[in-house]
Amino acid sequence: MQPVLEMDAPVGFDLWPVAEAEVPGFLALSGALSSTEVGTAVMLMAGGNDFDPDGDRPPRPPGALDSFLHGLLTFDSLFASGGLRVTDHATGVTFLPGCCDGLENWRDWHQLVEGGGLLGFGHDPVSPAAERVGGTIRLTVNAEQKGSPVIELSVAELRDLLAGAERDLAEFLALAAAWACVHLPAHSAPVTAALARLLDFPAPAVPPRA
């Protein structure tokens, strides 16, 4: 199980260094990312919330960088296209996030461990779904497709996988905080706090600016 962001080609993006993107595809988040991969992840998260302000939100500030970060720093509810990807290496089956999924909702998976139920992550034509049946977790790659590939695992296995995904996200967040101090020194604290809020984590400590 890996927390992933859906990739988008960084065409013409020059606000900070980013890695080349393979589109379509996903970027797995962990503490092992390179600096440019962290930059790509931050770009994807900020870009996913880069909408024109409305309601009581303040207007976009001048300047390309401040304008691009504005949504990430001011939206109450943040979104990140992606989710949790699960791969069964024995069968080669991969369960991918769906169109209605978001990495910000990754903790919803704990519902399957704590009480059961059904989680749907998309709609026609591709509808990934996760369901607990007794002590078994069934991950259906596409619930709209008869005979869809399925990954089955125990509740205990899912609990362990979720713990690993949480470690990956915590390590990524620490890496992103250090990255922001170097590449976004004037915005490092609010950007780090926004990323933590998006991922539903306490904000890590940001070293004070010299």
N, C-alpha and C. Protein backbone atom coordinates (compact mmCIF):
# COMPACT_ATOMS: atom_id res chain seq x y z
N MET A 1 0.85 -1.19 0.00
CA MET A 1 0.00 0.00 0.00
C MET A 1 0.88 1.23 0.00
N GLN A 2 0.59 2.14 -0.93
CA GLN A 2 1.37 3.37 -1.03
C GLN A 2 0.42 4.56 -1.17
N PRO A 3 0.68 5.65 -0.44
CA PRO A 3 -0.05 6.89 -0.70
C PRO A 3 0.49 7.50 -1.99
N VAL A 4 -0.41 7.85 -2.91
CA VAL A 4 0.03 8.34 -4.23
C VAL A 4 -0.73 9.59 -4.61
N LEU A 5 -0.07 10.41 -5.45
CA LEU A 5 -0.69 11.56 -6.08
C LEU A 5 -0.80 11.28 -7.57
N GLU A 6 -1.93 11.67 -8.16
CA GLU A 6 -2.09 11.53 -9.60
C GLU A 6 -1.23 12.56 -10.29
N MET A 7 -0.43 12.11 -11.26
CA MET A 7 0.52 12.98 -11.92
C MET A 7 -0.16 13.88 -12.95
N ASP A 8 0.42 15.06 -13.10
CA ASP A 8 0.00 16.01 -14.12
C ASP A 8 1.29 16.60 -14.70
N ALA A 9 1.36 16.72 -16.01
CA ALA A 9 2.58 17.20 -16.64
C ALA A 9 2.85 18.65 -16.25
N PRO A 10 4.03 18.96 -15.72
CA PRO A 10 4.35 20.33 -15.31
C PRO A 10 4.77 21.19 -16.49
N VAL A 11 3.87 21.38 -17.46
CA VAL A 11 4.22 22.13 -18.67
C VAL A 11 4.42 23.61 -18.33
N GLY A 12 5.62 24.09 -18.58
CA GLY A 12 5.92 25.49 -18.36
C GLY A 12 6.04 25.90 -16.91
N PHE A 13 6.02 24.95 -15.98
CA PHE A 13 6.09 25.31 -14.56
C PHE A 13 7.53 25.68 -14.21
N ASP A 14 7.73 26.86 -13.63
CA ASP A 14 9.09 27.30 -13.33
C ASP A 14 9.20 28.01 -11.98
N LEU A 15 8.24 27.76 -11.09
CA LEU A 15 8.29 28.43 -9.78
C LEU A 15 9.29 27.78 -8.85
N TRP A 16 9.58 26.48 -9.06
CA TRP A 16 10.63 25.77 -8.34
C TRP A 16 10.94 24.50 -9.14
N PRO A 17 12.06 23.84 -8.86
CA PRO A 17 12.43 22.65 -9.64
C PRO A 17 11.46 21.49 -9.41
N VAL A 18 11.07 20.84 -10.50
CA VAL A 18 10.19 19.67 -10.43
C VAL A 18 10.77 18.57 -11.30
N ALA A 19 10.34 17.34 -11.03
CA ALA A 19 10.80 16.19 -11.80
C ALA A 19 9.95 16.03 -13.05
N GLU A 20 10.50 15.34 -14.04
CA GLU A 20 9.73 15.03 -15.22
C GLU A 20 8.59 14.09 -14.85
N ALA A 21 7.42 14.32 -15.44
CA ALA A 21 6.24 13.55 -15.08
C ALA A 21 5.91 12.53 -16.14
N GLU A 22 5.54 11.33 -15.69
CA GLU A 22 5.00 10.31 -16.58
C GLU A 22 3.48 10.33 -16.46
N VAL A 23 2.84 10.84 -17.50
CA VAL A 23 1.39 11.01 -17.49
C VAL A 23 0.76 10.09 -18.52
N PRO A 24 -0.27 9.31 -18.19
CA PRO A 24 -0.86 9.21 -16.84
C PRO A 24 0.01 8.36 -15.92
N GLY A 25 -0.12 8.60 -14.66
CA GLY A 25 0.65 7.84 -13.68
C GLY A 25 0.46 8.41 -12.30
N PHE A 26 1.19 7.86 -11.34
CA PHE A 26 1.07 8.28 -9.96
C PHE A 26 2.46 8.46 -9.36
N LEU A 27 2.56 9.40 -8.44
CA LEU A 27 3.79 9.63 -7.67
C LEU A 27 3.56 9.11 -6.27
N ALA A 28 4.33 8.09 -5.86
CA ALA A 28 4.23 7.53 -4.52
C ALA A 28 4.97 8.42 -3.53
N LEU A 29 4.33 8.76 -2.43
CA LEU A 29 4.92 9.63 -1.43
C LEU A 29 5.60 8.82 -0.34
N SER A 30 6.80 9.25 0.02
CA SER A 30 7.55 8.60 1.09
C SER A 30 8.69 9.52 1.48
N GLY A 31 9.49 9.07 2.40
CA GLY A 31 10.66 9.84 2.80
C GLY A 31 11.86 9.62 1.90
N ALA A 32 11.68 8.83 0.83
CA ALA A 32 12.79 8.52 -0.07
C ALA A 32 12.78 9.35 -1.34
N LEU A 33 11.89 10.34 -1.44
CA LEU A 33 11.80 11.13 -2.66
C LEU A 33 13.00 12.06 -2.81
N SER A 34 13.35 12.32 -4.06
CA SER A 34 14.38 13.31 -4.34
C SER A 34 13.81 14.71 -4.16
N SER A 35 14.68 15.72 -4.15
CA SER A 35 14.22 17.09 -3.98
C SER A 35 13.25 17.50 -5.09
N THR A 36 13.56 17.12 -6.34
CA THR A 36 12.66 17.50 -7.43
C THR A 36 11.34 16.74 -7.36
N GLU A 37 11.35 15.52 -6.84
CA GLU A 37 10.10 14.78 -6.65
C GLU A 37 9.24 15.41 -5.57
N VAL A 38 9.87 15.88 -4.49
CA VAL A 38 9.12 16.61 -3.47
C VAL A 38 8.52 17.87 -4.09
N GLY A 39 9.33 18.56 -4.91
CA GLY A 39 8.82 19.75 -5.59
C GLY A 39 7.63 19.43 -6.47
N THR A 40 7.66 18.27 -7.13
CA THR A 40 6.54 17.85 -7.95
C THR A 40 5.30 17.60 -7.10
N ALA A 41 5.49 16.94 -5.96
CA ALA A 41 4.36 16.66 -5.07
C ALA A 41 3.72 17.95 -4.56
N VAL A 42 4.54 18.91 -4.16
CA VAL A 42 4.01 20.19 -3.69
C VAL A 42 3.30 20.92 -4.82
N MET A 43 3.87 20.85 -6.02
CA MET A 43 3.21 21.46 -7.18
C MET A 43 1.84 20.85 -7.42
N LEU A 44 1.75 19.51 -7.34
CA LEU A 44 0.47 18.83 -7.57
C LEU A 44 -0.56 19.21 -6.51
N MET A 45 -0.13 19.29 -5.26
CA MET A 45 -1.05 19.63 -4.19
C MET A 45 -1.51 21.08 -4.30
N ALA A 46 -0.58 21.97 -4.57
CA ALA A 46 -0.96 23.38 -4.72
C ALA A 46 -1.80 23.57 -5.97
N GLY A 47 -1.41 22.92 -7.07
CA GLY A 47 -2.15 23.07 -8.32
C GLY A 47 -3.57 22.54 -8.23
N GLY A 48 -3.77 21.49 -7.43
CA GLY A 48 -5.11 20.93 -7.27
C GLY A 48 -6.06 21.85 -6.52
N ASN A 49 -5.52 22.86 -5.88
CA ASN A 49 -6.33 23.82 -5.13
C ASN A 49 -6.19 25.24 -5.68
N ASP A 50 -5.69 25.33 -6.89
CA ASP A 50 -5.45 26.64 -7.51
C ASP A 50 -6.70 27.09 -8.27
N PHE A 51 -7.68 27.57 -7.49
CA PHE A 51 -8.93 28.07 -8.06
C PHE A 51 -9.09 29.55 -7.72
N ASP A 52 -9.86 30.24 -8.54
CA ASP A 52 -10.11 31.64 -8.25
C ASP A 52 -10.88 31.77 -6.94
N PRO A 53 -10.51 32.72 -6.11
CA PRO A 53 -11.18 32.90 -4.81
C PRO A 53 -12.65 33.27 -4.99
N ASP A 54 -13.45 32.86 -4.03
CA ASP A 54 -14.85 33.27 -4.01
C ASP A 54 -15.29 33.41 -2.56
N GLY A 55 -16.51 33.87 -2.36
CA GLY A 55 -17.01 34.00 -1.00
C GLY A 55 -16.19 34.98 -0.18
N ASP A 56 -15.82 34.54 1.03
CA ASP A 56 -15.10 35.42 1.95
C ASP A 56 -13.59 35.30 1.83
N ARG A 57 -13.11 34.48 0.90
CA ARG A 57 -11.66 34.32 0.77
C ARG A 57 -11.05 35.57 0.16
N PRO A 58 -9.86 35.93 0.61
CA PRO A 58 -9.22 37.14 0.06
C PRO A 58 -8.85 36.94 -1.40
N PRO A 59 -8.75 38.03 -2.16
CA PRO A 59 -8.40 37.92 -3.58
C PRO A 59 -6.98 37.42 -3.76
N ARG A 60 -6.70 36.93 -4.97
CA ARG A 60 -5.34 36.48 -5.27
C ARG A 60 -4.36 37.64 -5.08
N PRO A 61 -3.24 37.35 -4.45
CA PRO A 61 -2.21 38.39 -4.33
C PRO A 61 -1.44 38.52 -5.64
N PRO A 62 -0.77 39.62 -5.85
CA PRO A 62 0.06 39.75 -7.05
C PRO A 62 1.29 38.85 -6.96
N GLY A 63 1.85 38.56 -8.10
CA GLY A 63 3.04 37.71 -8.13
C GLY A 63 2.68 36.28 -8.42
N ALA A 64 3.44 35.65 -9.31
CA ALA A 64 3.11 34.29 -9.75
C ALA A 64 3.15 33.29 -8.61
N LEU A 65 4.17 33.36 -7.75
CA LEU A 65 4.30 32.38 -6.67
C LEU A 65 3.18 32.53 -5.65
N ASP A 66 2.94 33.75 -5.18
CA ASP A 66 1.89 33.97 -4.19
C ASP A 66 0.53 33.58 -4.75
N SER A 67 0.31 33.88 -6.03
CA SER A 67 -0.97 33.53 -6.66
C SER A 67 -1.16 32.03 -6.73
N PHE A 68 -0.10 31.29 -7.11
CA PHE A 68 -0.21 29.83 -7.25
C PHE A 68 -0.44 29.16 -5.90
N LEU A 69 0.16 29.68 -4.85
CA LEU A 69 0.02 29.08 -3.52
C LEU A 69 -1.25 29.53 -2.80
N HIS A 70 -1.95 30.50 -3.34
CA HIS A 70 -3.05 31.13 -2.62
C HIS A 70 -4.13 30.13 -2.20
N GLY A 71 -4.55 29.26 -3.12
CA GLY A 71 -5.59 28.29 -2.79
C GLY A 71 -5.14 27.32 -1.70
N LEU A 72 -3.92 26.81 -1.83
CA LEU A 72 -3.38 25.88 -0.84
C LEU A 72 -3.37 26.52 0.55
N LEU A 73 -3.07 27.80 0.61
CA LEU A 73 -2.90 28.47 1.89
C LEU A 73 -4.20 29.04 2.46
N THR A 74 -5.27 29.12 1.64
CA THR A 74 -6.47 29.79 2.13
C THR A 74 -7.73 28.93 2.11
N PHE A 75 -7.76 27.84 1.34
CA PHE A 75 -8.95 27.00 1.33
C PHE A 75 -9.13 26.31 2.68
N ASP A 76 -10.38 26.23 3.13
CA ASP A 76 -10.68 25.50 4.36
C ASP A 76 -10.55 23.99 4.13
N SER A 77 -11.05 23.51 3.00
CA SER A 77 -10.99 22.09 2.66
C SER A 77 -10.07 21.92 1.46
N LEU A 78 -9.00 21.17 1.64
CA LEU A 78 -8.01 20.99 0.58
C LEU A 78 -8.18 19.63 -0.08
N PHE A 79 -7.78 19.55 -1.34
CA PHE A 79 -7.96 18.35 -2.15
C PHE A 79 -6.62 17.97 -2.78
N ALA A 80 -6.39 16.67 -2.89
CA ALA A 80 -5.21 16.16 -3.60
C ALA A 80 -5.62 14.93 -4.39
N SER A 81 -5.60 15.04 -5.70
CA SER A 81 -6.02 13.92 -6.54
C SER A 81 -5.08 12.74 -6.35
N GLY A 82 -5.64 11.62 -5.92
CA GLY A 82 -4.85 10.43 -5.63
C GLY A 82 -5.53 9.62 -4.55
N GLY A 83 -4.74 8.95 -3.74
CA GLY A 83 -5.29 8.12 -2.68
C GLY A 83 -4.30 7.06 -2.28
N LEU A 84 -4.80 5.86 -1.99
CA LEU A 84 -3.94 4.75 -1.60
C LEU A 84 -3.95 3.70 -2.70
N ARG A 85 -2.78 3.35 -3.15
CA ARG A 85 -2.61 2.32 -4.18
C ARG A 85 -2.17 1.03 -3.51
N VAL A 86 -2.82 -0.07 -3.88
CA VAL A 86 -2.49 -1.38 -3.30
C VAL A 86 -2.10 -2.33 -4.41
N THR A 87 -0.96 -2.96 -4.27
CA THR A 87 -0.46 -3.90 -5.28
C THR A 87 -0.29 -5.28 -4.67
N ASP A 88 -0.86 -6.28 -5.32
CA ASP A 88 -0.68 -7.67 -4.93
C ASP A 88 0.44 -8.23 -5.82
N HIS A 89 1.63 -8.34 -5.26
CA HIS A 89 2.78 -8.77 -6.06
C HIS A 89 2.69 -10.24 -6.46
N ALA A 90 1.87 -11.01 -5.76
CA ALA A 90 1.72 -12.43 -6.11
C ALA A 90 0.90 -12.61 -7.38
N THR A 91 -0.10 -11.75 -7.57
CA THR A 91 -0.99 -11.89 -8.73
C THR A 91 -0.78 -10.82 -9.78
N GLY A 92 -0.08 -9.74 -9.41
CA GLY A 92 0.12 -8.64 -10.34
C GLY A 92 -1.06 -7.68 -10.40
N VAL A 93 -2.07 -7.87 -9.56
CA VAL A 93 -3.24 -6.99 -9.55
C VAL A 93 -2.91 -5.72 -8.77
N THR A 94 -3.30 -4.57 -9.33
CA THR A 94 -3.10 -3.28 -8.66
C THR A 94 -4.43 -2.57 -8.50
N PHE A 95 -4.71 -2.15 -7.29
CA PHE A 95 -5.91 -1.38 -6.96
C PHE A 95 -5.52 0.09 -6.93
N LEU A 96 -6.13 0.89 -7.83
CA LEU A 96 -5.77 2.30 -7.98
C LEU A 96 -6.86 3.21 -7.44
N PRO A 97 -6.49 4.40 -7.00
CA PRO A 97 -7.51 5.38 -6.60
C PRO A 97 -8.43 5.70 -7.78
N GLY A 98 -9.67 6.04 -7.46
CA GLY A 98 -10.64 6.38 -8.50
C GLY A 98 -10.83 7.87 -8.64
N CYS A 99 -11.72 8.25 -9.54
CA CYS A 99 -11.93 9.67 -9.84
C CYS A 99 -12.58 10.42 -8.69
N CYS A 100 -13.26 9.72 -7.80
CA CYS A 100 -13.92 10.37 -6.66
C CYS A 100 -13.09 10.24 -5.39
N ASP A 101 -11.87 9.79 -5.55
CA ASP A 101 -10.98 9.59 -4.41
C ASP A 101 -10.12 10.83 -4.24
N GLY A 102 -9.54 10.98 -3.08
CA GLY A 102 -8.59 12.04 -2.82
C GLY A 102 -7.68 11.62 -1.70
N LEU A 103 -6.42 11.98 -1.79
CA LEU A 103 -5.47 11.57 -0.75
C LEU A 103 -5.85 12.16 0.60
N GLU A 104 -6.55 13.30 0.59
CA GLU A 104 -6.94 13.92 1.85
C GLU A 104 -7.89 13.04 2.66
N ASN A 105 -8.51 12.06 2.00
CA ASN A 105 -9.46 11.17 2.69
C ASN A 105 -8.85 9.80 3.02
N TRP A 106 -7.53 9.70 3.05
CA TRP A 106 -6.91 8.39 3.20
C TRP A 106 -7.28 7.71 4.53
N ARG A 107 -7.58 8.48 5.55
CA ARG A 107 -7.93 7.88 6.84
C ARG A 107 -9.29 7.19 6.81
N ASP A 108 -10.11 7.43 5.77
CA ASP A 108 -11.39 6.74 5.65
C ASP A 108 -11.21 5.22 5.61
N TRP A 109 -10.05 4.78 5.14
CA TRP A 109 -9.78 3.33 5.07
C TRP A 109 -9.87 2.67 6.43
N HIS A 110 -9.63 3.42 7.49
CA HIS A 110 -9.68 2.84 8.83
C HIS A 110 -11.09 2.36 9.18
N GLN A 111 -12.11 2.87 8.47
CA GLN A 111 -13.47 2.40 8.71
C GLN A 111 -13.57 0.89 8.48
N LEU A 112 -12.83 0.40 7.49
CA LEU A 112 -12.88 -1.03 7.19
C LEU A 112 -12.27 -1.86 8.30
N VAL A 113 -11.29 -1.31 8.99
CA VAL A 113 -10.66 -2.02 10.10
C VAL A 113 -11.53 -1.95 11.34
N GLU A 114 -12.13 -0.79 11.57
CA GLU A 114 -12.84 -0.57 12.83
C GLU A 114 -14.26 -1.13 12.84
N GLY A 115 -14.93 -1.12 11.67
CA GLY A 115 -16.31 -1.57 11.71
C GLY A 115 -16.83 -2.22 10.45
N GLY A 116 -16.14 -2.09 9.37
CA GLY A 116 -16.61 -2.69 8.12
C GLY A 116 -17.26 -1.68 7.22
N GLY A 117 -18.14 -2.17 6.35
CA GLY A 117 -18.82 -1.29 5.42
C GLY A 117 -18.19 -1.33 4.04
N LEU A 118 -18.57 -0.35 3.23
CA LEU A 118 -18.15 -0.28 1.84
C LEU A 118 -17.63 1.12 1.55
N LEU A 119 -16.48 1.20 0.88
CA LEU A 119 -15.93 2.46 0.42
C LEU A 119 -15.89 2.44 -1.10
N GLY A 120 -16.54 3.42 -1.73
CA GLY A 120 -16.49 3.54 -3.18
C GLY A 120 -15.61 4.71 -3.56
N PHE A 121 -14.77 4.53 -4.56
CA PHE A 121 -13.79 5.55 -4.91
C PHE A 121 -13.98 6.12 -6.31
N GLY A 122 -15.06 5.75 -6.99
CA GLY A 122 -15.26 6.26 -8.34
C GLY A 122 -16.63 5.92 -8.86
N HIS A 123 -16.84 6.18 -10.14
CA HIS A 123 -18.11 5.86 -10.78
C HIS A 123 -17.83 5.41 -12.21
N ASP A 124 -18.88 4.96 -12.88
CA ASP A 124 -18.76 4.46 -14.24
C ASP A 124 -17.92 5.42 -15.10
N PRO A 125 -16.94 4.95 -15.86
CA PRO A 125 -16.73 3.55 -16.24
C PRO A 125 -15.79 2.75 -15.32
N VAL A 126 -15.08 3.41 -14.40
CA VAL A 126 -14.19 2.68 -13.49
C VAL A 126 -14.57 3.03 -12.07
N SER A 127 -14.93 2.01 -11.29
CA SER A 127 -15.40 2.25 -9.92
C SER A 127 -14.65 1.35 -8.94
N PRO A 128 -13.48 1.76 -8.48
CA PRO A 128 -12.80 0.97 -7.46
C PRO A 128 -13.62 0.96 -6.17
N ALA A 129 -13.64 -0.16 -5.49
CA ALA A 129 -14.42 -0.27 -4.25
C ALA A 129 -13.69 -1.18 -3.27
N ALA A 130 -13.78 -0.82 -1.99
CA ALA A 130 -13.20 -1.63 -0.91
C ALA A 130 -14.31 -1.99 0.05
N GLU A 131 -14.38 -3.28 0.43
CA GLU A 131 -15.46 -3.75 1.28
C GLU A 131 -14.92 -4.78 2.27
N ARG A 132 -15.46 -4.70 3.47
CA ARG A 132 -15.14 -5.73 4.47
C ARG A 132 -16.26 -6.74 4.54
N VAL A 133 -15.91 -8.01 4.37
CA VAL A 133 -16.86 -9.11 4.48
C VAL A 133 -16.35 -10.05 5.56
N GLY A 134 -16.92 -9.94 6.75
CA GLY A 134 -16.41 -10.72 7.87
C GLY A 134 -15.00 -10.26 8.22
N GLY A 135 -14.07 -11.20 8.20
CA GLY A 135 -12.68 -10.87 8.50
C GLY A 135 -11.84 -10.64 7.26
N THR A 136 -12.49 -10.49 6.11
CA THR A 136 -11.77 -10.33 4.84
C THR A 136 -12.06 -8.96 4.23
N ILE A 137 -11.03 -8.34 3.72
CA ILE A 137 -11.15 -7.08 2.98
C ILE A 137 -11.04 -7.41 1.49
N ARG A 138 -12.05 -6.99 0.73
CA ARG A 138 -12.06 -7.21 -0.72
C ARG A 138 -11.88 -5.87 -1.43
N LEU A 139 -10.82 -5.78 -2.22
CA LEU A 139 -10.54 -4.59 -3.02
C LEU A 139 -10.86 -4.93 -4.47
N THR A 140 -11.95 -4.37 -4.98
CA THR A 140 -12.38 -4.65 -6.35
C THR A 140 -11.89 -3.53 -7.25
N VAL A 141 -11.09 -3.90 -8.25
CA VAL A 141 -10.47 -2.91 -9.13
C VAL A 141 -11.51 -2.08 -9.85
N ASN A 142 -12.59 -2.72 -10.33
CA ASN A 142 -13.65 -2.00 -11.03
C ASN A 142 -14.99 -2.68 -10.76
N ALA A 143 -15.76 -2.12 -9.85
CA ALA A 143 -17.04 -2.72 -9.49
C ALA A 143 -18.05 -2.68 -10.62
N GLU A 144 -17.79 -1.87 -11.66
CA GLU A 144 -18.69 -1.81 -12.82
C GLU A 144 -18.45 -2.96 -13.79
N GLN A 145 -17.37 -3.69 -13.59
CA GLN A 145 -16.96 -4.73 -14.53
C GLN A 145 -17.21 -6.11 -13.93
N LYS A 146 -17.96 -6.94 -14.63
CA LYS A 146 -18.19 -8.30 -14.18
C LYS A 146 -16.88 -9.07 -14.23
N GLY A 147 -16.57 -9.78 -13.17
CA GLY A 147 -15.32 -10.53 -13.13
C GLY A 147 -14.10 -9.67 -12.94
N SER A 148 -14.28 -8.48 -12.37
CA SER A 148 -13.15 -7.57 -12.15
C SER A 148 -12.09 -8.23 -11.27
N PRO A 149 -10.82 -7.93 -11.52
CA PRO A 149 -9.77 -8.41 -10.61
C PRO A 149 -10.03 -7.92 -9.18
N VAL A 150 -9.69 -8.77 -8.22
CA VAL A 150 -9.94 -8.48 -6.81
C VAL A 150 -8.67 -8.80 -6.01
N ILE A 151 -8.39 -7.98 -5.02
CA ILE A 151 -7.35 -8.28 -4.05
C ILE A 151 -8.04 -8.57 -2.73
N GLU A 152 -7.70 -9.69 -2.10
CA GLU A 152 -8.28 -10.04 -0.81
C GLU A 152 -7.17 -10.07 0.25
N LEU A 153 -7.47 -9.52 1.41
CA LEU A 153 -6.52 -9.53 2.51
C LEU A 153 -7.29 -9.53 3.81
N SER A 154 -6.61 -9.86 4.87
CA SER A 154 -7.26 -9.91 6.18
C SER A 154 -7.32 -8.51 6.78
N VAL A 155 -8.17 -8.35 7.80
CA VAL A 155 -8.27 -7.08 8.49
C VAL A 155 -6.92 -6.74 9.13
N ALA A 156 -6.25 -7.73 9.70
CA ALA A 156 -4.94 -7.49 10.31
C ALA A 156 -3.93 -7.02 9.27
N GLU A 157 -3.97 -7.61 8.08
CA GLU A 157 -3.06 -7.18 7.02
C GLU A 157 -3.34 -5.74 6.60
N LEU A 158 -4.62 -5.39 6.49
CA LEU A 158 -4.95 -4.01 6.14
C LEU A 158 -4.48 -3.04 7.22
N ARG A 159 -4.63 -3.43 8.47
CA ARG A 159 -4.18 -2.57 9.56
C ARG A 159 -2.67 -2.31 9.44
N ASP A 160 -1.90 -3.34 9.13
CA ASP A 160 -0.46 -3.18 8.98
C ASP A 160 -0.13 -2.30 7.76
N LEU A 161 -0.87 -2.51 6.68
CA LEU A 161 -0.63 -1.70 5.48
C LEU A 161 -0.93 -0.22 5.73
N LEU A 162 -1.99 0.05 6.45
CA LEU A 162 -2.33 1.43 6.77
C LEU A 162 -1.28 2.07 7.67
N ALA A 163 -0.73 1.30 8.58
CA ALA A 163 0.34 1.82 9.43
C ALA A 163 1.56 2.18 8.58
N GLY A 164 1.86 1.35 7.59
CA GLY A 164 2.96 1.65 6.70
C GLY A 164 2.70 2.89 5.86
N ALA A 165 1.47 3.04 5.36
CA ALA A 165 1.12 4.22 4.58
C ALA A 165 1.22 5.49 5.44
N GLU A 166 0.82 5.38 6.69
CA GLU A 166 0.91 6.53 7.59
C GLU A 166 2.37 6.92 7.82
N ARG A 167 3.25 5.93 7.96
CA ARG A 167 4.68 6.24 8.11
C ARG A 167 5.21 6.93 6.86
N ASP A 168 4.81 6.43 5.69
CA ASP A 168 5.26 7.06 4.45
C ASP A 168 4.84 8.52 4.38
N LEU A 169 3.60 8.80 4.76
CA LEU A 169 3.10 10.18 4.71
C LEU A 169 3.81 11.06 5.73
N ALA A 170 4.04 10.53 6.93
CA ALA A 170 4.74 11.31 7.95
C ALA A 170 6.17 11.63 7.51
N GLU A 171 6.83 10.65 6.91
CA GLU A 171 8.20 10.87 6.43
C GLU A 171 8.22 11.85 5.25
N PHE A 172 7.22 11.73 4.37
CA PHE A 172 7.13 12.71 3.27
C PHE A 172 6.93 14.11 3.81
N LEU A 173 6.04 14.26 4.79
CA LEU A 173 5.75 15.58 5.34
C LEU A 173 7.00 16.20 5.96
N ALA A 174 7.79 15.41 6.66
CA ALA A 174 9.04 15.92 7.24
C ALA A 174 9.99 16.35 6.13
N LEU A 175 10.04 15.56 5.06
CA LEU A 175 10.89 15.89 3.91
C LEU A 175 10.39 17.17 3.24
N ALA A 176 9.08 17.31 3.10
CA ALA A 176 8.51 18.50 2.47
C ALA A 176 8.77 19.75 3.31
N ALA A 177 8.75 19.61 4.63
CA ALA A 177 9.04 20.75 5.49
C ALA A 177 10.47 21.24 5.28
N ALA A 178 11.41 20.31 5.21
CA ALA A 178 12.80 20.68 4.95
C ALA A 178 12.95 21.28 3.55
N TRP A 179 12.25 20.70 2.58
CA TRP A 179 12.29 21.21 1.21
C TRP A 179 11.78 22.64 1.15
N ALA A 180 10.67 22.92 1.83
CA ALA A 180 10.07 24.25 1.80
C ALA A 180 11.01 25.30 2.39
N CYS A 181 11.80 24.93 3.39
CA CYS A 181 12.74 25.88 3.98
C CYS A 181 13.79 26.33 2.97
N VAL A 182 14.12 25.44 2.02
CA VAL A 182 15.13 25.76 1.02
C VAL A 182 14.51 26.46 -0.18
N HIS A 183 13.39 25.94 -0.68
CA HIS A 183 12.83 26.42 -1.94
C HIS A 183 11.73 27.46 -1.78
N LEU A 184 11.10 27.51 -0.61
CA LEU A 184 10.05 28.50 -0.36
C LEU A 184 10.28 29.14 1.01
N PRO A 185 11.46 29.74 1.22
CA PRO A 185 11.80 30.21 2.56
C PRO A 185 10.82 31.23 3.13
N ALA A 186 10.22 32.06 2.28
CA ALA A 186 9.28 33.06 2.78
C ALA A 186 7.91 32.48 3.08
N HIS A 187 7.67 31.25 2.62
CA HIS A 187 6.36 30.62 2.79
C HIS A 187 6.46 29.26 3.49
N SER A 188 7.61 28.92 4.02
CA SER A 188 7.84 27.55 4.49
C SER A 188 6.86 27.14 5.59
N ALA A 189 6.62 28.01 6.56
CA ALA A 189 5.72 27.65 7.67
C ALA A 189 4.28 27.46 7.20
N PRO A 190 3.68 28.42 6.47
CA PRO A 190 2.29 28.21 6.03
C PRO A 190 2.13 27.08 5.02
N VAL A 191 3.11 26.87 4.14
CA VAL A 191 3.02 25.77 3.19
C VAL A 191 3.09 24.44 3.92
N THR A 192 4.00 24.30 4.86
CA THR A 192 4.12 23.07 5.62
C THR A 192 2.84 22.80 6.42
N ALA A 193 2.29 23.84 7.02
CA ALA A 193 1.04 23.68 7.79
C ALA A 193 -0.11 23.26 6.87
N ALA A 194 -0.16 23.81 5.65
CA ALA A 194 -1.22 23.46 4.70
C ALA A 194 -1.08 22.02 4.25
N LEU A 195 0.14 21.57 3.97
CA LEU A 195 0.34 20.18 3.56
C LEU A 195 -0.05 19.23 4.69
N ALA A 196 0.29 19.59 5.91
CA ALA A 196 -0.07 18.75 7.06
C ALA A 196 -1.59 18.69 7.21
N ARG A 197 -2.25 19.82 7.03
CA ARG A 197 -3.71 19.85 7.14
C ARG A 197 -4.34 19.00 6.04
N LEU A 198 -3.81 19.09 4.82
CA LEU A 198 -4.33 18.29 3.72
C LEU A 198 -4.21 16.80 4.01
N LEU A 199 -3.08 16.39 4.58
CA LEU A 199 -2.82 14.98 4.85
C LEU A 199 -3.33 14.53 6.22
N ASP A 200 -3.96 15.45 6.95
CA ASP A 200 -4.53 15.14 8.26
C ASP A 200 -3.45 14.70 9.25
N PHE A 201 -2.40 15.52 9.35
CA PHE A 201 -1.31 15.29 10.28
C PHE A 201 -1.05 16.57 11.07
N PRO A 202 -0.49 16.46 12.27
CA PRO A 202 0.01 17.67 12.94
C PRO A 202 1.14 18.25 12.11
N ALA A 203 1.23 19.56 12.08
CA ALA A 203 2.30 20.21 11.32
C ALA A 203 3.65 19.94 11.97
N PRO A 204 4.64 19.48 11.19
CA PRO A 204 5.97 19.29 11.78
C PRO A 204 6.62 20.62 12.06
N ALA A 205 7.61 20.60 12.93
CA ALA A 205 8.32 21.83 13.27
C ALA A 205 9.10 22.33 12.05
N VAL A 206 9.05 23.62 11.84
CA VAL A 206 9.81 24.25 10.75
C VAL A 206 10.92 25.07 11.38
N PRO A 207 12.18 24.83 10.98
CA PRO A 207 13.28 25.61 11.56
C PRO A 207 13.06 27.09 11.34
N PRO A 208 13.38 27.93 12.33
CA PRO A 208 13.21 29.38 12.15
C PRO A 208 14.12 29.90 11.05
N ARG A 209 13.64 30.93 10.36
CA ARG A 209 14.46 31.56 9.31
C ARG A 209 15.63 32.29 9.91
N ALA A 210 16.77 32.15 9.26
CA ALA A 210 17.97 32.82 9.77
C ALA A 210 17.85 34.32 9.60
